[in-house]
Amino acid sequence: MNKPEEIAARIKKGAVLFYAGTENCGICRADKPRIKKMAENWKISLCEIDPIEHPKIRAAYCLFTSPVVILFFDGKELHRQARIIDFKELEYRIKQLQESLD
C-alpha cells in the first residue's frame, strides 16, 4: 500500500488499526508486534506503513513522529497515539468500539 487513496479506501470499511513506524526506530520495532497481536486478538484490520517511505501518506495523516497508531471506524479517526503508545488506553478504546457495535 503506497498511495493515500488506497489507504483511504481501506480505512473506510469497519474498524482499522493504522500503524506507522520506521525500521530504524527501537520503539517502533518493539511496538509493532504488540500492535499486530492486538489487531489479531480483537479481529481488527491492520494497516501498516513506514512513513519515511511514503511522504504523501505522512502528510495526509499528519504523521510528524513515529510510532503512530490510529484507530479508525468507517473512515473516521476515533483515537490516536504517538511516540509512547499506551496499550491499555488503546485496548480500552478498541473495547469501547466493539461494545458499541454489539
Protein backbone atom coordinates (compact mmCIF):
# COMPACT_ATOMS: atom_id res chain seq x y z
CA MET A 1 0.00 0.00 0.00
CA ASN A 2 1.73 3.17 -1.08
CA LYS A 3 -0.94 5.63 -2.13
CA PRO A 4 -3.17 7.77 0.11
CA GLU A 5 -6.19 6.69 -1.96
CA GLU A 6 -5.52 3.01 -1.22
CA ILE A 7 -5.27 3.64 2.50
CA ALA A 8 -8.35 5.86 2.49
CA ALA A 9 -10.31 3.10 0.75
CA ARG A 10 -9.12 0.52 3.25
CA ILE A 11 -9.94 2.55 6.36
CA LYS A 12 -13.46 3.35 5.11
CA LYS A 13 -14.66 -0.17 5.89
CA GLY A 14 -15.14 -1.11 9.53
CA ALA A 15 -12.57 -0.93 12.31
CA VAL A 16 -8.94 -0.46 11.28
CA LEU A 17 -5.76 -0.01 13.28
CA PHE A 18 -3.39 2.17 11.29
CA TYR A 19 0.23 1.80 12.38
CA ALA A 20 3.09 3.99 11.16
CA GLY A 21 6.59 3.09 12.27
CA THR A 22 10.09 3.08 10.88
CA GLU A 23 12.60 0.24 10.76
CA ASN A 24 15.39 2.24 12.38
CA CYS A 25 13.30 3.17 15.45
CA GLY A 26 13.73 0.97 18.51
CA ILE A 27 10.33 1.87 19.96
CA CYS A 28 8.65 1.14 16.61
CA ARG A 29 10.30 -2.29 16.41
CA ALA A 30 9.18 -3.08 19.97
CA ASP A 31 5.60 -1.82 19.49
CA LYS A 32 4.90 -3.34 16.07
CA PRO A 33 4.43 -6.96 17.27
CA ARG A 34 2.19 -5.77 20.11
CA ILE A 35 0.02 -3.79 17.70
CA LYS A 36 -0.21 -6.79 15.36
CA LYS A 37 -1.23 -9.07 18.23
CA MET A 38 -3.80 -6.56 19.44
CA ALA A 39 -5.36 -6.30 15.97
CA GLU A 40 -5.39 -10.07 15.71
CA ASN A 41 -6.95 -10.56 19.16
CA TRP A 42 -9.70 -8.02 18.51
CA LYS A 43 -10.17 -9.11 14.88
CA ILE A 44 -9.47 -5.65 13.56
CA SER A 45 -7.89 -4.96 10.21
CA LEU A 46 -4.32 -3.66 10.44
CA CYS A 47 -2.81 -1.16 8.03
CA GLU A 48 0.97 -0.67 8.39
CA ILE A 49 3.25 1.82 6.68
CA ASP A 50 6.73 3.23 7.01
CA PRO A 51 6.14 6.99 6.96
CA ILE A 52 9.64 7.72 5.66
CA GLU A 53 8.97 5.67 2.53
CA HIS A 54 5.56 7.31 1.95
CA PRO A 55 5.73 11.11 2.30
CA LYS A 56 2.27 11.66 0.77
CA ILE A 57 0.69 9.36 3.35
CA ARG A 58 2.75 11.00 6.09
CA ALA A 59 1.33 14.37 5.03
CA ALA A 60 -2.23 13.14 4.53
CA TYR A 61 -2.43 11.66 8.04
CA CYS A 62 -0.28 14.25 9.85
CA LEU A 63 2.40 11.77 10.90
CA PHE A 64 5.01 14.03 12.49
CA THR A 65 6.75 11.37 14.59
CA SER A 66 6.81 7.62 14.97
CA PRO A 67 5.40 5.33 16.03
CA VAL A 68 1.83 6.45 15.49
CA VAL A 69 -1.24 4.29 15.92
CA ILE A 70 -4.69 5.48 14.84
CA LEU A 71 -7.96 3.66 15.40
CA PHE A 72 -10.41 4.29 12.56
CA PHE A 73 -14.01 3.22 12.15
CA ASP A 74 -15.73 3.66 8.78
CA GLY A 75 -13.11 6.23 7.78
CA LYS A 76 -13.35 8.35 10.92
CA GLU A 77 -10.48 8.74 13.33
CA LEU A 78 -11.57 7.65 16.79
CA HIS A 79 -8.28 7.55 18.68
CA ARG A 80 -4.66 8.49 18.02
CA GLN A 81 -1.45 7.93 19.93
CA ALA A 82 2.09 8.90 19.01
CA ARG A 83 5.58 8.19 20.32
CA ILE A 84 4.73 6.44 23.59
CA ILE A 85 1.86 4.05 22.97
CA ASP A 86 -0.36 3.42 25.99
CA PHE A 87 -1.53 -0.09 25.17
CA LYS A 88 -4.07 -0.17 28.00
CA GLU A 89 -5.70 3.01 26.70
CA LEU A 90 -5.64 1.70 23.13
CA GLU A 91 -7.24 -1.57 24.19
CA TYR A 92 -9.87 0.35 26.18
CA ARG A 93 -10.76 2.39 23.06
CA ILE A 94 -10.98 -0.75 20.93
CA LYS A 95 -13.18 -2.39 23.56
CA GLN A 96 -15.45 0.68 23.60
CA LEU A 97 -15.78 0.47 19.83
CA GLN A 98 -16.51 -3.26 19.88
CA GLU A 99 -19.15 -2.82 22.62
CA SER A 100 -20.87 -0.04 20.69
CA LEU A 101 -21.15 -2.35 17.68
CA ASP A 102 -22.70 -5.23 19.63
